[in-house]
Every structure is written in C-alpha cells, then in structure tokens.
Protein backbone atom coordinates (compact mmCIF):
# COMPACT_ATOMS: atom_id res chain seq x y z
CA MET A 1 -8.11 -5.67 5.22
CA THR A 2 -11.18 -5.35 6.88
CA ARG A 3 -14.31 -6.98 5.75
CA HIS A 4 -16.81 -4.83 3.66
CA ARG A 5 -18.40 -4.85 0.33
CA PHE A 6 -16.37 -6.33 -2.77
CA VAL A 7 -17.45 -5.07 -5.89
CA HIS A 8 -15.00 -5.35 -9.08
CA ARG A 9 -15.47 -4.24 -12.68
CA SER A 10 -13.32 -5.43 -15.44
CA VAL A 11 -11.84 -2.54 -17.41
CA PRO A 12 -9.13 -2.92 -20.17
CA ALA A 13 -5.51 -1.18 -19.76
CA LEU A 14 -7.15 1.64 -21.65
CA LEU A 15 -4.34 3.92 -23.29
CA ALA A 16 -2.81 4.51 -19.85
CA ALA A 17 0.60 3.79 -20.53
CA ALA A 18 0.42 5.73 -24.05
CA ALA A 19 -0.87 8.80 -21.85
CA LEU A 20 1.88 8.73 -19.66
CA VAL A 21 4.51 8.42 -22.41
CA ALA A 22 2.70 11.35 -24.34
CA GLY A 23 3.06 13.60 -20.99
CA ALA A 24 6.48 12.45 -20.03
CA PRO A 25 8.59 14.95 -22.03
CA ALA A 26 7.08 17.95 -20.50
CA ALA A 27 7.35 16.59 -16.81
CA ALA A 28 10.62 14.95 -17.28
CA SER A 29 14.07 16.42 -16.92
CA PRO A 30 17.36 14.91 -18.28
CA ALA A 31 18.35 14.55 -14.71
CA ALA A 32 15.25 12.80 -13.28
CA PRO A 33 16.19 9.35 -12.09
CA ALA A 34 14.36 6.24 -13.36
CA PRO A 35 12.02 4.23 -11.23
CA PRO A 36 14.09 1.47 -9.35
CA ASP A 37 13.39 -2.30 -9.57
CA ILE A 38 12.93 -3.21 -5.65
CA PRO A 39 14.50 -6.90 -5.23
CA VAL A 40 12.06 -8.90 -4.05
CA GLY A 41 14.06 -10.61 -1.95
CA ASP A 42 14.74 -7.74 0.23
CA VAL A 43 10.86 -7.37 0.66
CA GLN A 44 10.41 -11.16 1.63
CA ALA A 45 13.27 -10.49 3.98
CA GLN A 46 11.00 -7.90 6.08
CA LEU A 47 8.23 -10.50 5.64
CA ALA A 48 10.34 -12.81 7.49
CA GLU A 49 11.13 -10.17 10.27
CA LEU A 50 7.02 -9.76 10.55
CA GLN A 51 6.70 -13.44 10.95
CA ARG A 52 9.27 -13.49 13.60
CA ILE A 53 7.34 -10.56 15.36
CA ALA A 54 4.42 -12.58 15.50
CA ASP A 55 6.02 -15.67 16.44
CA ASP A 56 7.69 -14.02 19.63
CA SER A 57 4.37 -12.42 20.49
CA GLY A 58 1.71 -15.02 20.75
CA GLY A 59 1.33 -15.60 17.11
CA ASN A 60 -0.21 -12.17 15.79
CA ARG A 61 0.29 -8.52 15.33
CA ALA A 62 -2.77 -7.40 16.50
CA HIS A 63 -4.06 -3.96 17.74
CA GLY A 64 -3.73 -4.00 21.51
CA GLN A 65 -1.11 -6.98 21.45
CA PRO A 66 2.52 -7.23 21.90
CA GLY A 67 3.49 -8.16 18.14
CA HIS A 68 1.73 -4.77 17.05
CA LYS A 69 3.99 -2.69 19.17
CA ALA A 70 6.75 -4.76 18.41
CA THR A 71 5.96 -3.94 14.57
CA VAL A 72 5.82 -0.31 15.38
CA ASP A 73 8.99 -0.41 17.20
CA TYR A 74 10.72 -2.19 14.17
CA LEU A 75 9.68 -0.24 11.44
CA LYS A 76 10.42 3.06 13.39
CA SER A 77 14.01 1.88 14.01
CA THR A 78 14.69 0.95 10.51
CA LEU A 79 13.28 4.15 9.00
CA ASP A 80 15.09 6.26 11.72
CA ASN A 81 18.39 4.74 10.57
CA ALA A 82 17.60 5.36 7.16
CA GLY A 83 17.39 9.33 7.94
CA PHE A 84 13.50 9.33 7.91
CA GLU A 85 11.71 11.79 10.43
CA THR A 86 9.36 9.55 12.04
CA THR A 87 6.38 10.34 14.17
CA VAL A 88 4.17 7.81 16.32
CA GLN A 89 0.83 8.95 16.71
CA GLU A 90 -0.92 7.29 19.76
CA PHE A 91 -4.64 6.75 19.89
CA THR A 92 -7.25 4.56 21.71
CA ALA A 93 -9.60 2.11 20.05
CA ASP A 94 -11.65 -0.56 21.69
CA GLY A 95 -10.32 0.38 24.97
CA LYS A 96 -6.66 -0.59 23.47
CA VAL A 97 -3.72 1.94 22.87
CA GLY A 98 -2.76 1.75 19.11
CA TRP A 99 -0.27 3.78 16.74
CA ASN A 100 0.06 5.13 13.42
CA LEU A 101 3.61 5.55 12.19
CA ILE A 102 4.11 8.73 9.87
CA ALA A 103 7.68 8.92 8.08
CA ASP A 104 8.74 11.99 6.19
CA LEU A 105 11.71 12.11 3.46
CA PRO A 106 13.60 15.26 4.54
CA ALA A 107 14.87 15.90 1.20
CA GLY A 108 12.62 16.97 -1.38
CA GLY A 109 9.71 20.02 -1.71
CA ALA A 110 7.98 21.37 1.21
CA GLY A 111 4.69 22.05 -0.55
CA GLU A 112 2.39 19.44 -2.20
CA VAL A 113 2.87 16.24 -0.19
CA LEU A 114 2.30 12.79 -2.00
CA MET A 115 1.54 10.38 0.58
CA LEU A 116 1.48 6.31 0.58
CA GLY A 117 0.37 3.94 3.33
CA GLY A 118 -0.83 0.58 4.25
CA HIS A 119 -1.89 -1.03 7.34
CA MET A 120 0.81 -2.95 9.68
CA ASP A 121 -1.76 -4.60 12.21
CA SER A 122 -3.05 -8.10 11.81
CA VAL A 123 -6.16 -9.90 12.82
CA PRO A 124 -5.89 -11.71 16.23
CA GLU A 125 -6.26 -15.12 14.32
CA GLY A 126 -2.63 -14.96 12.88
CA PRO A 127 0.55 -13.21 11.65
CA GLY A 128 -0.78 -11.44 9.04
CA ILE A 129 1.66 -11.51 6.37
CA ASN A 130 -0.41 -10.92 3.21
CA ASP A 131 -2.87 -8.82 5.37
CA ASN A 132 -1.28 -6.72 5.62
CA GLY A 133 2.60 -7.75 5.80
CA SER A 134 2.70 -7.70 2.14
CA GLY A 135 2.06 -3.61 1.71
CA THR A 136 3.89 -3.01 5.21
CA ALA A 137 7.06 -4.45 3.54
CA GLY A 138 6.68 -3.33 -0.13
CA LEU A 139 6.29 0.36 1.36
CA LEU A 140 9.15 -0.35 3.70
CA GLU A 141 11.70 -1.11 0.92
CA VAL A 142 10.42 1.48 -1.29
CA ALA A 143 10.93 3.99 1.36
CA LEU A 144 14.31 2.64 2.13
CA THR A 145 15.46 2.67 -1.50
CA ALA A 146 14.37 6.29 -1.75
CA ALA A 147 16.68 7.37 1.10
CA GLU A 148 19.49 5.22 -0.14
CA GLN A 149 19.29 6.39 -3.53
CA ASN A 150 19.20 9.90 -2.15
CA LEU A 151 15.81 10.70 -3.86
CA ARG A 152 15.01 14.39 -3.75
CA PRO A 153 11.71 14.78 -5.47
CA SER A 154 9.70 17.97 -6.17
CA LYS A 155 7.03 17.14 -3.92
CA HIS A 156 7.29 16.42 0.15
CA LEU A 157 7.14 12.37 0.21
CA ARG A 158 5.60 10.94 2.98
CA PHE A 159 4.92 7.10 4.04
CA ALA A 160 2.52 5.81 6.76
CA TRP A 161 1.86 2.63 8.46
CA TRP A 162 -1.77 2.45 9.94
CA GLY A 163 -2.84 0.90 13.26
CA ALA A 164 -6.45 -0.53 14.01
CA GLU A 165 -7.43 -0.99 10.25
CA GLU A 166 -8.77 -4.33 11.34
CA GLN A 167 -11.30 -2.79 13.96
CA GLY A 168 -12.66 -0.47 11.38
CA LEU A 169 -9.95 1.65 9.49
CA LEU A 170 -9.47 3.36 12.99
CA GLY A 171 -5.93 4.65 12.87
CA SER A 172 -6.10 6.37 9.49
CA SER A 173 -9.47 7.88 10.24
CA HIS A 174 -7.95 9.18 13.62
CA TYR A 175 -4.95 10.51 11.47
CA VAL A 176 -7.10 12.34 8.95
CA ARG A 177 -9.29 13.58 11.81
CA ASN A 178 -6.82 15.13 13.49
CA LEU A 179 -4.72 16.72 10.62
CA PRO A 180 -4.89 20.49 10.44
CA ALA A 181 -7.05 21.63 7.66
CA GLY A 182 -4.24 23.32 5.92
CA GLU A 183 -2.10 20.14 6.24
CA LEU A 184 -4.66 18.14 4.81
CA GLY A 185 -5.00 20.45 2.03
CA LYS A 186 -1.29 19.91 1.10
CA ILE A 187 -1.95 16.29 0.33
CA GLY A 188 -2.38 16.46 -3.41
CA GLY A 189 -2.81 12.45 -3.52
CA TYR A 190 -2.71 9.41 -0.93
CA LEU A 191 -2.12 5.72 -2.58
CA ASN A 192 -2.98 2.51 -0.51
CA PHE A 193 -1.24 -0.66 -0.63
CA ASP A 194 -3.32 -3.52 1.23
CA MET A 195 -2.62 -6.91 0.46
CA ILE A 196 -0.59 -7.08 -2.67
CA GLY A 197 1.08 -11.00 -2.37
CA SER A 198 -2.23 -12.96 -2.48
CA PRO A 199 -1.34 -16.69 -3.07
CA ASN A 200 -3.54 -16.93 -6.07
CA PRO A 201 -3.49 -13.22 -7.20
CA GLY A 202 -5.09 -10.73 -9.21
CA ASN A 203 -4.01 -7.62 -10.24
CA PHE A 204 -6.34 -4.85 -9.49
CA VAL A 205 -6.18 -1.04 -9.35
CA TYR A 206 -8.38 1.02 -7.05
CA SER A 207 -11.16 2.55 -9.40
CA SER A 208 -11.01 6.28 -9.67
CA GLN A 209 -15.24 6.34 -10.27
CA GLY A 210 -17.00 8.26 -7.47
CA GLN A 211 -13.50 9.16 -5.88
CA PRO A 212 -12.30 12.72 -5.34
CA GLU A 213 -11.12 15.15 -8.34
CA GLY A 214 -7.47 13.95 -9.22
CA SER A 215 -7.95 10.02 -8.48
CA ALA A 216 -8.07 9.17 -12.25
CA ALA A 217 -4.30 10.75 -12.47
CA LEU A 218 -3.40 8.18 -9.67
CA GLU A 219 -5.45 5.15 -11.51
CA ARG A 220 -3.68 6.00 -14.74
CA ASN A 221 -0.09 5.91 -13.18
CA LEU A 222 -0.88 2.61 -11.73
CA THR A 223 -2.69 0.93 -14.57
CA GLY A 224 -0.23 2.49 -16.92
CA TYR A 225 2.78 0.71 -15.14
CA PHE A 226 1.23 -2.57 -15.37
CA ASP A 227 0.33 -2.13 -18.85
CA SER A 228 4.28 -1.36 -19.69
CA THR A 229 4.97 -4.61 -18.19
CA GLY A 230 2.32 -6.45 -20.25
CA VAL A 231 0.22 -7.21 -17.23
CA PRO A 232 -3.63 -6.77 -17.50
CA THR A 233 -5.51 -5.32 -14.62
CA GLU A 234 -8.81 -4.70 -13.52
CA ALA A 235 -10.21 -1.74 -11.58
CA ILE A 236 -11.72 -2.52 -8.42
CA GLU A 237 -14.19 -0.19 -6.25
CA LEU A 238 -13.20 -0.98 -2.76
CA ALA A 239 -15.57 1.77 -0.97
CA GLY A 240 -14.70 1.70 2.76
CA ARG A 241 -12.66 -1.54 2.87
CA SER A 242 -9.18 -0.09 3.44
CA ASP A 243 -7.29 3.15 4.62
CA HIS A 244 -7.87 5.11 1.65
CA ALA A 245 -11.71 5.55 2.64
CA ALA A 246 -10.64 8.37 5.04
CA PHE A 247 -9.00 10.21 2.79
CA ALA A 248 -11.21 10.05 -0.15
CA ASP A 249 -14.21 11.07 2.42
CA ALA A 250 -12.06 14.29 3.17
CA GLY A 251 -11.71 15.01 -0.59
CA VAL A 252 -8.19 13.82 -1.17
CA PRO A 253 -7.72 12.04 -4.38
CA THR A 254 -6.76 8.49 -3.81
CA GLY A 255 -5.46 5.29 -5.48
CA GLY A 256 -3.94 1.80 -4.60
CA THR A 257 -3.44 -1.53 -5.84
CA PHE A 258 -4.75 -5.09 -4.45
CA THR A 259 -4.34 -8.77 -5.25
CA GLY A 260 -7.47 -9.92 -3.69
CA ALA A 261 -8.76 -11.25 -0.39
CA GLU A 262 -11.67 -13.62 0.25
CA GLY A 263 -13.15 -13.14 -3.29
CA THR A 264 -13.24 -16.06 -5.72
CA MET A 265 -11.51 -15.99 -9.17
CA SER A 266 -13.34 -16.54 -12.04
CA ALA A 267 -12.51 -18.36 -15.19
CA GLU A 268 -11.96 -15.11 -17.18
CA GLN A 269 -9.54 -14.07 -14.71
CA ALA A 270 -7.77 -17.24 -14.29
CA GLU A 271 -7.06 -17.28 -18.13
CA LYS A 272 -5.84 -13.67 -17.71
CA TRP A 273 -3.85 -13.88 -14.98
CA GLY A 274 -2.93 -17.64 -14.80
CA GLY A 275 -4.53 -18.51 -11.47
CA THR A 276 -7.01 -20.86 -10.43
CA ALA A 277 -10.75 -20.36 -11.06
CA GLY A 278 -12.97 -20.98 -8.39
CA GLU A 279 -10.38 -20.60 -5.54
CA PRO A 280 -10.32 -17.51 -3.20
CA PHE A 281 -7.40 -15.26 -3.89
CA ASP A 282 -6.03 -15.68 -0.52
CA PRO A 283 -7.40 -18.69 1.01
CA CYS A 284 -5.98 -17.93 4.28
CA TYR A 285 -7.59 -14.47 4.44
CA HIS A 286 -8.10 -13.36 7.93
CA ALA A 287 -6.63 -17.21 9.31
CA GLY A 288 -3.86 -18.27 11.07
CA CYS A 289 -2.22 -19.72 7.91
CA ASP A 290 -1.63 -16.14 6.52
CA THR A 291 2.17 -16.93 7.06
CA VAL A 292 5.29 -16.51 4.74
CA ASP A 293 4.30 -19.37 3.29
CA ASN A 294 0.91 -17.57 2.25
CA ILE A 295 2.57 -15.48 -0.55
CA ASN A 296 2.65 -15.15 -4.26
CA GLU A 297 6.40 -13.90 -4.94
CA LYS A 298 5.95 -12.80 -8.68
CA ALA A 299 2.64 -10.68 -7.48
CA LEU A 300 4.66 -9.42 -4.22
CA ASP A 301 7.39 -8.12 -6.83
CA ARG A 302 5.15 -6.76 -9.32
CA HIS A 303 3.38 -4.84 -6.85
CA THR A 304 6.34 -3.36 -4.77
CA ASP A 305 7.67 -2.21 -8.40
CA ALA A 306 4.26 -0.25 -9.04
CA ILE A 307 4.80 1.41 -5.58
CA ALA A 308 8.27 2.40 -6.46
CA ASN A 309 7.23 3.76 -9.63
CA ALA A 310 4.40 5.66 -8.60
CA VAL A 311 6.94 7.28 -5.94
CA TRP A 312 9.40 8.27 -8.46
CA THR A 313 7.08 9.36 -11.26
CA LEU A 314 4.11 11.22 -9.08
CA SER A 315 6.46 12.89 -6.88
CA SER A 316 9.22 14.50 -9.12
C-alpha cells in the first residue's frame, strides 16, 4: 500500500445486514449458491509460496525485480490451470517493465462486470507478505474456488492483480487509462483488497462518502457481511492510497476492506477488536520483517471470506 493521507472515521454497522436480508428474497433464486467459507490454510499456503518466491529472488517481489515477474508467472499459471482467461498487461514505470494480470471467469454473464483486485508488488525492502501478499492470496483463493465450484454468475466476473502500486498506483492507473470507454462503462463496481492480514488488525471498510454513485451499495455489502458475523467495522477514507483510486476517478463505484498499516490503534479500537492500543496495525509495514510471520490468521480468514461473500452475492 502506498504512503498517502490516512484518515478514518468510526461508524456503527448501521442496519446493513438488515438491508441485505430485506433485499435478499427479491434478488435470490432457489438455486443460488451460498457463499463459501474459504479455508484460511489454503490462503496461508499461497502466502508461503509468495514468501518462497521472494526468498529465491533477493528478498522481495518489487517492481522491476525478479521476484515481481516470478509472482506474475506463478499467479498466471495457477489461474490458467483453473480455467480462467488470463491477460498479462505490460507497462513501463520508472524505466522498468511492470505487469498487470487480469483473469476473467469464462462462465457467467457477458454484460455488466464485477471486478475485484489488489496489488501484487512489494516494496524493495522486503517480501511484502501482508502488503500485499495477503490481498493477493485472498483474491486468488476466492477466484480458484469460484472456478472449482463452477460459479455461473449473472454478471461477468473479473479479477486483477496490479503491478507498481508501491510506485504510486501505476499499474491500475495504466489499466484504467487504456481501457476503451465502452469497456470501462461495463464495470459496475470495483472492490479492492490491500493488506487484509495485519498482525494488530482493525476491520475497516472503504467509505463510500465522496465516491461515485453506487459505492454505497458496495460498502453496505461488506459491512453487512461483517455485521452478520458479529464483527464491528469502521469506515475508512483511503483517498488515493490504493488501487481503487483510478477506478473512482473514472466514475466506477468502488469499495474494499483493509486491516490497517502504519497507523496506531486507539484504545477504543483495541477494546472493540481485541488488539493492542498504542501499537501500529502493522509494525512491519514496508519493512523486511513483513514475512509470513507478520500475519494475523483470524483477520486473514475473516477478510478473505468477506471477499467470497461479495463475489457470490454481488455477481448473482
């Protein structure tokens, strides 16, 4: 996650879950599959693979470095084997070649697109397992589960892993800038997942305040899921801090979840979430210690399941 202004505002869970339940009978069909529970062990296995890639590539997976290309190759091969239609988009940033990886589920609708993504590059200082191996792995396991369960959504389902986020959101910006207007207009919503396993985790949902029309529904979906599991959330205004920014600037409804970066957990938050007040959400943010040991399993599990719930409910 790039360094930008960090502001959050505390909000109650509202009546998001009730709103979702109230709307469910009209939207659901008897044959609609229930959102799956993604095994956190499978997500952790993906994190171990990203750690191995970094260890074999000079200790990082940063833009322009061997570990980044190895990450792209690993993700593409895994998704190809699962039956996704993958596209590698090449671009140049800071004089170095970078890549975005786009994976489309062949089954499902051909009209409106539901898109989910997160960045796959690390900073040069370390392997980037929470930032953003966590989002990378969570999205990958949800995508693989969708293929394995033969999900056939009414919307077109697209996953993306971005390059050069740590250089200033360059990969996602390149994608949006080069997408034909007609294709951009098909994207009904973009959900971003950047740092979902912080060791002293918060449970943040991207605020829809000031975002394009339609973002509030995405926020309600995510807060509704957490509320249904008894987990309080806070809305967070991430502004231009992660890869949703290019989509929001282009008028696409956006949302996402986040467990915190270098910001300090308050006493109120610690009481609410069971964390440690006065300590960073991620003490290894942008540091060499952001390894597989820098992950909170419960947060990783919780936020990966929120991704799956969003996919199954918003794409149907």
